[in-house]
Amino acid sequence: MIVINEDWVVDSDEYCYILKEDLHKQDKKGNKRYKVHGYFPGLGAALSALVKQDTRLMMSRGSYSLVQAVAALKKNEQKWEEIFECLT
């Protein structure tokens, strides 16, 4: 499992990469709970989907004018670029 940050992980099996959101909850056995956001053939595709999903979640949590939305989108993309730069 690849921990991206406190909210997102990318898991893998022998067939694909799995984008998961950490729900910050535990099941009855004490295991972390995740929401699966998709299955991807490559790590790059999973990370690209992560940025898109995070952007959708951000937009769904508020009300924005068009100008504010564009500024928020740019800020979110910049945040993920900085995170991914640290990985290389």
PDB file of N, CA and C in Angstrom:
ATOM      1  N   MET A   1       0.847  -1.177   0.000  1.00  0.00           N
ATOM      2  CA  MET A   1       0.000   0.000   0.000  1.00  0.00           C
ATOM      3  C   MET A   1       0.891   1.238   0.000  1.00  0.00           C
ATOM      4  N   ILE A   2       0.526   2.209  -0.812  1.00  0.00           N
ATOM      5  CA  ILE A   2       1.243   3.478  -0.887  1.00  0.00           C
ATOM      6  C   ILE A   2       0.388   4.536  -0.193  1.00  0.00           C
ATOM      7  N   VAL A   3       0.914   5.115   0.873  1.00  0.00           N
ATOM      8  CA  VAL A   3       0.194   6.170   1.587  1.00  0.00           C
ATOM      9  C   VAL A   3       0.554   7.503   0.930  1.00  0.00           C
ATOM     10  N   ILE A   4      -0.424   8.147   0.311  1.00  0.00           N
ATOM     11  CA  ILE A   4      -0.206   9.424  -0.367  1.00  0.00           C
ATOM     12  C   ILE A   4      -0.201  10.556   0.655  1.00  0.00           C
ATOM     13  N   ASN A   5      -1.216  10.621   1.460  1.00  0.00           N
ATOM     14  CA  ASN A   5      -1.302  11.570   2.577  1.00  0.00           C
ATOM     15  C   ASN A   5      -2.268  10.984   3.599  1.00  0.00           C
ATOM     16  N   GLU A   6      -2.740  11.766   4.548  1.00  0.00           N
ATOM     17  CA  GLU A   6      -3.599  11.231   5.594  1.00  0.00           C
ATOM     18  C   GLU A   6      -4.978  10.817   5.086  1.00  0.00           C
ATOM     19  N   ASP A   7      -5.350  11.233   3.872  1.00  0.00           N
ATOM     20  CA  ASP A   7      -6.678  10.934   3.341  1.00  0.00           C
ATOM     21  C   ASP A   7      -6.701   9.913   2.212  1.00  0.00           C
ATOM     22  N   TRP A   8      -5.575   9.682   1.551  1.00  0.00           N
ATOM     23  CA  TRP A   8      -5.560   8.860   0.344  1.00  0.00           C
ATOM     24  C   TRP A   8      -4.445   7.819   0.367  1.00  0.00           C
ATOM     25  N   VAL A   9      -4.786   6.628  -0.160  1.00  0.00           N
ATOM     26  CA  VAL A   9      -3.798   5.577  -0.354  1.00  0.00           C
ATOM     27  C   VAL A   9      -4.033   4.943  -1.717  1.00  0.00           C
ATOM     28  N   VAL A  10      -2.980   4.337  -2.245  1.00  0.00           N
ATOM     29  CA  VAL A  10      -3.105   3.524  -3.449  1.00  0.00           C
ATOM     30  C   VAL A  10      -2.649   2.123  -3.062  1.00  0.00           C
ATOM     31  N   ASP A  11      -3.560   1.191  -3.157  1.00  0.00           N
ATOM     32  CA  ASP A  11      -3.266  -0.200  -2.856  1.00  0.00           C
ATOM     33  C   ASP A  11      -3.038  -0.915  -4.191  1.00  0.00           C
ATOM     34  N   SER A  12      -2.534  -2.110  -4.146  1.00  0.00           N
ATOM     35  CA  SER A  12      -2.348  -2.860  -5.389  1.00  0.00           C
ATOM     36  C   SER A  12      -2.528  -4.338  -5.127  1.00  0.00           C
ATOM     37  N   ASP A  13      -2.865  -5.026  -6.183  1.00  0.00           N
ATOM     38  CA  ASP A  13      -2.886  -6.479  -6.154  1.00  0.00           C
ATOM     39  C   ASP A  13      -2.184  -6.945  -7.424  1.00  0.00           C
ATOM     40  N   GLU A  14      -2.301  -8.184  -7.753  1.00  0.00           N
ATOM     41  CA  GLU A  14      -1.584  -8.692  -8.922  1.00  0.00           C
ATOM     42  C   GLU A  14      -2.153  -8.197 -10.244  1.00  0.00           C
ATOM     43  N   TYR A  15      -3.320  -7.542 -10.205  1.00  0.00           N
ATOM     44  CA  TYR A  15      -3.976  -7.114 -11.431  1.00  0.00           C
ATOM     45  C   TYR A  15      -4.023  -5.602 -11.648  1.00  0.00           C
ATOM     46  N   CYS A  16      -4.073  -4.825 -10.566  1.00  0.00           N
ATOM     47  CA  CYS A  16      -4.297  -3.399 -10.756  1.00  0.00           C
ATOM     48  C   CYS A  16      -3.884  -2.591  -9.527  1.00  0.00           C
ATOM     49  N   TYR A  17      -3.993  -1.263  -9.681  1.00  0.00           N
ATOM     50  CA  TYR A  17      -3.818  -0.318  -8.577  1.00  0.00           C
ATOM     51  C   TYR A  17      -5.197   0.155  -8.156  1.00  0.00           C
ATOM     52  N   ILE A  18      -5.391   0.320  -6.859  1.00  0.00           N
ATOM     53  CA  ILE A  18      -6.706   0.630  -6.314  1.00  0.00           C
ATOM     54  C   ILE A  18      -6.615   1.931  -5.522  1.00  0.00           C
ATOM     55  N   LEU A  19      -7.348   2.943  -5.973  1.00  0.00           N
ATOM     56  CA  LEU A  19      -7.376   4.231  -5.287  1.00  0.00           C
ATOM     57  C   LEU A  19      -8.399   4.172  -4.164  1.00  0.00           C
ATOM     58  N   LYS A  20      -7.936   4.489  -2.937  1.00  0.00           N
ATOM     59  CA  LYS A  20      -8.807   4.409  -1.773  1.00  0.00           C
ATOM     60  C   LYS A  20      -8.729   5.692  -0.958  1.00  0.00           C
ATOM     61  N   GLU A  21      -9.876   6.090  -0.426  1.00  0.00           N
ATOM     62  CA  GLU A  21      -9.957   7.228   0.481  1.00  0.00           C
ATOM     63  C   GLU A  21     -10.058   6.696   1.904  1.00  0.00           C
ATOM     64  N   ASP A  22      -9.209   7.185   2.785  1.00  0.00           N
ATOM     65  CA  ASP A  22      -9.246   6.786   4.188  1.00  0.00           C
ATOM     66  C   ASP A  22     -10.455   7.446   4.846  1.00  0.00           C
ATOM     67  N   LEU A  23     -11.348   6.645   5.396  1.00  0.00           N
ATOM     68  CA  LEU A  23     -12.551   7.179   6.035  1.00  0.00           C
ATOM     69  C   LEU A  23     -12.309   7.599   7.476  1.00  0.00           C
ATOM     70  N   HIS A  24     -11.107   7.372   7.972  1.00  0.00           N
ATOM     71  CA  HIS A  24     -10.739   7.718   9.348  1.00  0.00           C
ATOM     72  C   HIS A  24     -11.675   7.053  10.347  1.00  0.00           C
ATOM     73  N   LYS A  25     -12.045   5.815  10.030  1.00  0.00           N
ATOM     74  CA  LYS A  25     -12.888   4.993  10.891  1.00  0.00           C
ATOM     75  C   LYS A  25     -12.289   3.595  10.945  1.00  0.00           C
ATOM     76  N   GLN A  26     -12.746   2.817  11.914  1.00  0.00           N
ATOM     77  CA  GLN A  26     -12.303   1.433  12.027  1.00  0.00           C
ATOM     78  C   GLN A  26     -13.509   0.514  12.067  1.00  0.00           C
ATOM     79  N   ASP A  27     -13.319  -0.709  11.548  1.00  0.00           N
ATOM     80  CA  ASP A  27     -14.383  -1.691  11.650  1.00  0.00           C
ATOM     81  C   ASP A  27     -14.348  -2.331  13.041  1.00  0.00           C
ATOM     82  N   LYS A  28     -15.200  -3.302  13.275  1.00  0.00           N
ATOM     83  CA  LYS A  28     -15.294  -3.927  14.596  1.00  0.00           C
ATOM     84  C   LYS A  28     -14.010  -4.651  15.001  1.00  0.00           C
ATOM     85  N   LYS A  29     -13.208  -5.042  14.018  1.00  0.00           N
ATOM     86  CA  LYS A  29     -11.947  -5.734  14.305  1.00  0.00           C
ATOM     87  C   LYS A  29     -10.779  -4.759  14.467  1.00  0.00           C
ATOM     88  N   GLY A  30     -11.045  -3.462  14.307  1.00  0.00           N
ATOM     89  CA  GLY A  30      -9.998  -2.468  14.469  1.00  0.00           C
ATOM     90  C   GLY A  30      -9.232  -2.142  13.200  1.00  0.00           C
ATOM     91  N   ASN A  31      -9.677  -2.683  12.058  1.00  0.00           N
ATOM     92  CA  ASN A  31      -9.030  -2.398  10.772  1.00  0.00           C
ATOM     93  C   ASN A  31      -9.527  -1.075  10.213  1.00  0.00           C
ATOM     94  N   LYS A  32      -8.626  -0.335   9.562  1.00  0.00           N
ATOM     95  CA  LYS A  32      -9.018   0.934   8.930  1.00  0.00           C
ATOM     96  C   LYS A  32     -10.053   0.673   7.848  1.00  0.00           C
ATOM     97  N   ARG A  33     -10.958   1.640   7.687  1.00  0.00           N
ATOM     98  CA  ARG A  33     -11.966   1.543   6.632  1.00  0.00           C
ATOM     99  C   ARG A  33     -11.619   2.507   5.512  1.00  0.00           C
ATOM    100  N   TYR A  34     -11.800   2.045   4.287  1.00  0.00           N
ATOM    101  CA  TYR A  34     -11.501   2.831   3.097  1.00  0.00           C
ATOM    102  C   TYR A  34     -12.700   2.806   2.155  1.00  0.00           C
ATOM    103  N   LYS A  35     -12.817   3.877   1.368  1.00  0.00           N
ATOM    104  CA  LYS A  35     -13.793   3.918   0.277  1.00  0.00           C
ATOM    105  C   LYS A  35     -12.996   3.780  -1.018  1.00  0.00           C
ATOM    106  N   VAL A  36     -13.326   2.781  -1.824  1.00  0.00           N
ATOM    107  CA  VAL A  36     -12.628   2.558  -3.087  1.00  0.00           C
ATOM    108  C   VAL A  36     -13.167   3.528  -4.134  1.00  0.00           C
ATOM    109  N   HIS A  37     -12.236   4.207  -4.825  1.00  0.00           N
ATOM    110  CA  HIS A  37     -12.621   5.172  -5.865  1.00  0.00           C
ATOM    111  C   HIS A  37     -12.264   4.695  -7.266  1.00  0.00           C
ATOM    112  N   GLY A  38     -11.718   3.517  -7.392  1.00  0.00           N
ATOM    113  CA  GLY A  38     -11.470   3.001  -8.725  1.00  0.00           C
ATOM    114  C   GLY A  38     -10.303   2.038  -8.782  1.00  0.00           C
ATOM    115  N   TYR A  39     -10.282   1.305  -9.900  1.00  0.00           N
ATOM    116  CA  TYR A  39      -9.243   0.318 -10.188  1.00  0.00           C
ATOM    117  C   TYR A  39      -8.541   0.753 -11.465  1.00  0.00           C
ATOM    118  N   PHE A  40      -7.209   0.746 -11.465  1.00  0.00           N
ATOM    119  CA  PHE A  40      -6.446   1.324 -12.572  1.00  0.00           C
ATOM    120  C   PHE A  40      -5.305   0.402 -12.998  1.00  0.00           C
ATOM    121  N   PRO A  41      -4.993   0.401 -14.293  1.00  0.00           N
ATOM    122  CA  PRO A  41      -3.935  -0.487 -14.785  1.00  0.00           C
ATOM    123  C   PRO A  41      -2.522  -0.029 -14.407  1.00  0.00           C
ATOM    124  N   GLY A  42      -2.361   1.249 -14.088  1.00  0.00           N
ATOM    125  CA  GLY A  42      -1.038   1.763 -13.743  1.00  0.00           C
ATOM    126  C   GLY A  42      -1.104   2.764 -12.606  1.00  0.00           C
ATOM    127  N   LEU A  43       0.037   2.982 -11.969  1.00  0.00           N
ATOM    128  CA  LEU A  43       0.103   3.926 -10.854  1.00  0.00           C
ATOM    129  C   LEU A  43      -0.186   5.348 -11.319  1.00  0.00           C
ATOM    130  N   GLY A  44       0.320   5.726 -12.494  1.00  0.00           N
ATOM    131  CA  GLY A  44       0.066   7.070 -13.026  1.00  0.00           C
ATOM    132  C   GLY A  44      -1.412   7.344 -13.215  1.00  0.00           C
ATOM    133  N   ALA A  45      -2.133   6.357 -13.702  1.00  0.00           N
ATOM    134  CA  ALA A  45      -3.582   6.511 -13.897  1.00  0.00           C
ATOM    135  C   ALA A  45      -4.293   6.663 -12.556  1.00  0.00           C
ATOM    136  N   ALA A  46      -3.836   5.927 -11.549  1.00  0.00           N
ATOM    137  CA  ALA A  46      -4.442   6.041 -10.218  1.00  0.00           C
ATOM    138  C   ALA A  46      -4.188   7.422  -9.623  1.00  0.00           C
ATOM    139  N   LEU A  47      -2.980   7.949  -9.783  1.00  0.00           N
ATOM    140  CA  LEU A  47      -2.664   9.280  -9.258  1.00  0.00           C
ATOM    141  C   LEU A  47      -3.432  10.371  -9.993  1.00  0.00           C
ATOM    142  N   SER A  48      -3.589  10.222 -11.296  1.00  0.00           N
ATOM    143  CA  SER A  48      -4.378  11.178 -12.070  1.00  0.00           C
ATOM    144  C   SER A  48      -5.835  11.174 -11.598  1.00  0.00           C
ATOM    145  N   ALA A  49      -6.368  10.000 -11.354  1.00  0.00           N
ATOM    146  CA  ALA A  49      -7.734   9.887 -10.854  1.00  0.00           C
ATOM    147  C   ALA A  49      -7.855  10.493  -9.461  1.00  0.00           C
ATOM    148  N   LEU A  50      -6.812  10.371  -8.667  1.00  0.00           N
ATOM    149  CA  LEU A  50      -6.805  10.955  -7.328  1.00  0.00           C
ATOM    150  C   LEU A  50      -6.992  12.471  -7.389  1.00  0.00           C
ATOM    151  N   VAL A  51      -6.257  13.124  -8.272  1.00  0.00           N
ATOM    152  CA  VAL A  51      -6.367  14.582  -8.401  1.00  0.00           C
ATOM    153  C   VAL A  51      -7.788  14.965  -8.829  1.00  0.00           C
ATOM    154  N   LYS A  52      -8.339  14.243  -9.799  1.00  0.00           N
ATOM    155  CA  LYS A  52      -9.694  14.533 -10.266  1.00  0.00           C
ATOM    156  C   LYS A  52     -10.726  14.312  -9.163  1.00  0.00           C
ATOM    157  N   GLN A  53     -10.590  13.214  -8.436  1.00  0.00           N
ATOM    158  CA  GLN A  53     -11.544  12.917  -7.368  1.00  0.00           C
ATOM    159  C   GLN A  53     -11.444  13.936  -6.238  1.00  0.00           C
ATOM    160  N   ASP A  54     -10.219  14.287  -5.866  1.00  0.00           N
ATOM    161  CA  ASP A  54     -10.032  15.281  -4.808  1.00  0.00           C
ATOM    162  C   ASP A  54     -10.632  16.620  -5.223  1.00  0.00           C
ATOM    163  N   THR A  55     -10.499  16.976  -6.478  1.00  0.00           N
ATOM    164  CA  THR A  55     -11.079  18.221  -6.988  1.00  0.00           C
ATOM    165  C   THR A  55     -12.602  18.168  -6.918  1.00  0.00           C
ATOM    166  N   ARG A  56     -13.191  17.045  -7.326  1.00  0.00           N
ATOM    167  CA  ARG A  56     -14.653  16.910  -7.250  1.00  0.00           C
ATOM    168  C   ARG A  56     -15.138  17.021  -5.810  1.00  0.00           C
ATOM    169  N   LEU A  57     -14.440  16.364  -4.894  1.00  0.00           N
ATOM    170  CA  LEU A  57     -14.839  16.443  -3.485  1.00  0.00           C
ATOM    171  C   LEU A  57     -14.748  17.869  -2.964  1.00  0.00           C
ATOM    172  N   MET A  58     -13.676  18.563  -3.351  1.00  0.00           N
ATOM    173  CA  MET A  58     -13.496  19.950  -2.917  1.00  0.00           C
ATOM    174  C   MET A  58     -14.649  20.824  -3.432  1.00  0.00           C
ATOM    175  N   MET A  59     -15.015  20.650  -4.690  1.00  0.00           N
ATOM    176  CA  MET A  59     -16.084  21.461  -5.284  1.00  0.00           C
ATOM    177  C   MET A  59     -17.448  21.130  -4.672  1.00  0.00           C
ATOM    178  N   SER A  60     -17.635  19.902  -4.232  1.00  0.00           N
ATOM    179  CA  SER A  60     -18.926  19.509  -3.669  1.00  0.00           C
ATOM    180  C   SER A  60     -19.118  20.020  -2.246  1.00  0.00           C
ATOM    181  N   ARG A  61     -18.051  20.496  -1.624  1.00  0.00           N
ATOM    182  CA  ARG A  61     -18.128  20.937  -0.226  1.00  0.00           C
ATOM    183  C   ARG A  61     -18.425  22.426  -0.072  1.00  0.00           C
ATOM    184  N   GLY A  62     -18.646  23.111  -1.166  1.00  0.00           N
ATOM    185  CA  GLY A  62     -18.895  24.539  -1.050  1.00  0.00           C
ATOM    186  C   GLY A  62     -19.601  25.085  -2.266  1.00  0.00           C
ATOM    187  N   SER A  63     -19.829  26.379  -2.221  1.00  0.00           N
ATOM    188  CA  SER A  63     -20.445  27.083  -3.328  1.00  0.00           C
ATOM    189  C   SER A  63     -19.447  28.128  -3.816  1.00  0.00           C
ATOM    190  N   TYR A  64     -19.185  28.148  -5.110  1.00  0.00           N
ATOM    191  CA  TYR A  64     -18.146  29.006  -5.672  1.00  0.00           C
ATOM    192  C   TYR A  64     -18.692  29.800  -6.851  1.00  0.00           C
ATOM    193  N   SER A  65     -18.224  31.018  -6.995  1.00  0.00           N
ATOM    194  CA  SER A  65     -18.449  31.738  -8.251  1.00  0.00           C
ATOM    195  C   SER A  65     -17.485  31.123  -9.255  1.00  0.00           C
ATOM    196  N   LEU A  66     -17.658  31.445 -10.514  1.00  0.00           N
ATOM    197  CA  LEU A  66     -16.768  30.885 -11.536  1.00  0.00           C
ATOM    198  C   LEU A  66     -15.325  31.298 -11.273  1.00  0.00           C
ATOM    199  N   VAL A  67     -15.104  32.535 -10.925  1.00  0.00           N
ATOM    200  CA  VAL A  67     -13.746  33.024 -10.644  1.00  0.00           C
ATOM    201  C   VAL A  67     -13.156  32.286  -9.447  1.00  0.00           C
ATOM    202  N   GLN A  68     -13.941  32.118  -8.399  1.00  0.00           N
ATOM    203  CA  GLN A  68     -13.463  31.402  -7.220  1.00  0.00           C
ATOM    204  C   GLN A  68     -13.175  29.934  -7.533  1.00  0.00           C
ATOM    205  N   ALA A  69     -14.026  29.332  -8.352  1.00  0.00           N
ATOM    206  CA  ALA A  69     -13.843  27.921  -8.714  1.00  0.00           C
ATOM    207  C   ALA A  69     -12.549  27.722  -9.491  1.00  0.00           C
ATOM    208  N   VAL A  70     -12.285  28.595 -10.450  1.00  0.00           N
ATOM    209  CA  VAL A  70     -11.050  28.487 -11.239  1.00  0.00           C
ATOM    210  C   VAL A  70      -9.834  28.662 -10.333  1.00  0.00           C
ATOM    211  N   ALA A  71      -9.885  29.625  -9.430  1.00  0.00           N
ATOM    212  CA  ALA A  71      -8.776  29.840  -8.500  1.00  0.00           C
ATOM    213  C   ALA A  71      -8.591  28.622  -7.593  1.00  0.00           C
ATOM    214  N   ALA A  72      -9.678  28.044  -7.118  1.00  0.00           N
ATOM    215  CA  ALA A  72      -9.597  26.860  -6.254  1.00  0.00           C
ATOM    216  C   ALA A  72      -9.036  25.669  -7.017  1.00  0.00           C
ATOM    217  N   LEU A  73      -9.434  25.509  -8.277  1.00  0.00           N
ATOM    218  CA  LEU A  73      -8.915  24.417  -9.101  1.00  0.00           C
ATOM    219  C   LEU A  73      -7.413  24.550  -9.301  1.00  0.00           C
ATOM    220  N   LYS A  74      -6.962  25.759  -9.598  1.00  0.00           N
ATOM    221  CA  LYS A  74      -5.525  25.985  -9.786  1.00  0.00           C
ATOM    222  C   LYS A  74      -4.759  25.702  -8.502  1.00  0.00           C
ATOM    223  N   LYS A  75      -5.303  26.141  -7.390  1.00  0.00           N
ATOM    224  CA  LYS A  75      -4.643  25.924  -6.101  1.00  0.00           C
ATOM    225  C   LYS A  75      -4.565  24.427  -5.789  1.00  0.00           C
ATOM    226  N   ASN A  76      -5.639  23.698  -6.063  1.00  0.00           N
ATOM    227  CA  ASN A  76      -5.658  22.261  -5.808  1.00  0.00           C
ATOM    228  C   ASN A  76      -4.657  21.522  -6.696  1.00  0.00           C
ATOM    229  N   GLU A  77      -4.598  21.889  -7.972  1.00  0.00           N
ATOM    230  CA  GLU A  77      -3.628  21.272  -8.883  1.00  0.00           C
ATOM    231  C   GLU A  77      -2.198  21.557  -8.419  1.00  0.00           C
ATOM    232  N   GLN A  78      -1.949  22.773  -7.970  1.00  0.00           N
ATOM    233  CA  GLN A  78      -0.624  23.141  -7.489  1.00  0.00           C
ATOM    234  C   GLN A  78      -0.257  22.329  -6.241  1.00  0.00           C
ATOM    235  N   LYS A  79      -1.226  22.136  -5.360  1.00  0.00           N
ATOM    236  CA  LYS A  79      -0.996  21.337  -4.148  1.00  0.00           C
ATOM    237  C   LYS A  79      -0.530  19.930  -4.518  1.00  0.00           C
ATOM    238  N   TRP A  80      -1.230  19.302  -5.479  1.00  0.00           N
ATOM    239  CA  TRP A  80      -0.875  17.936  -5.855  1.00  0.00           C
ATOM    240  C   TRP A  80       0.450  17.898  -6.607  1.00  0.00           C
ATOM    241  N   GLU A  81       0.730  18.903  -7.425  1.00  0.00           N
ATOM    242  CA  GLU A  81       2.027  18.953  -8.118  1.00  0.00           C
ATOM    243  C   GLU A  81       3.165  19.002  -7.108  1.00  0.00           C
ATOM    244  N   GLU A  82       2.996  19.798  -6.063  1.00  0.00           N
ATOM    245  CA  GLU A  82       4.032  19.900  -5.024  1.00  0.00           C
ATOM    246  C   GLU A  82       4.200  18.576  -4.285  1.00  0.00           C
ATOM    247  N   ILE A  83       3.104  17.899  -4.008  1.00  0.00           N
ATOM    248  CA  ILE A  83       3.180  16.601  -3.336  1.00  0.00           C
ATOM    249  C   ILE A  83       3.906  15.597  -4.228  1.00  0.00           C
ATOM    250  N   PHE A  84       3.547  15.556  -5.505  1.00  0.00           N
ATOM    251  CA  PHE A  84       4.161  14.594  -6.412  1.00  0.00           C
ATOM    252  C   PHE A  84       5.623  14.934  -6.682  1.00  0.00           C
ATOM    253  N   GLU A  85       5.980  16.221  -6.681  1.00  0.00           N
ATOM    254  CA  GLU A  85       7.385  16.615  -6.858  1.00  0.00           C
ATOM    255  C   GLU A  85       8.246  16.076  -5.729  1.00  0.00           C
ATOM    256  N   CYS A  86       7.717  16.070  -4.528  1.00  0.00           N
ATOM    257  CA  CYS A  86       8.460  15.556  -3.370  1.00  0.00           C
ATOM    258  C   CYS A  86       8.746  14.066  -3.517  1.00  0.00           C
ATOM    259  N   LEU A  87       7.953  13.373  -4.324  1.00  0.00           N
ATOM    260  CA  LEU A  87       8.138  11.949  -4.486  1.00  0.00           C
ATOM    261  C   LEU A  87       9.254  11.603  -5.462  1.00  0.00           C
ATOM    262  N   THR A  88       9.629  12.556  -6.307  1.00  0.00           N
ATOM    263  CA  THR A  88      10.667  12.261  -7.307  1.00  0.00           C
ATOM    264  C   THR A  88      12.022  12.700  -6.865  1.00  0.00           C
TER     265      THR A  88
END
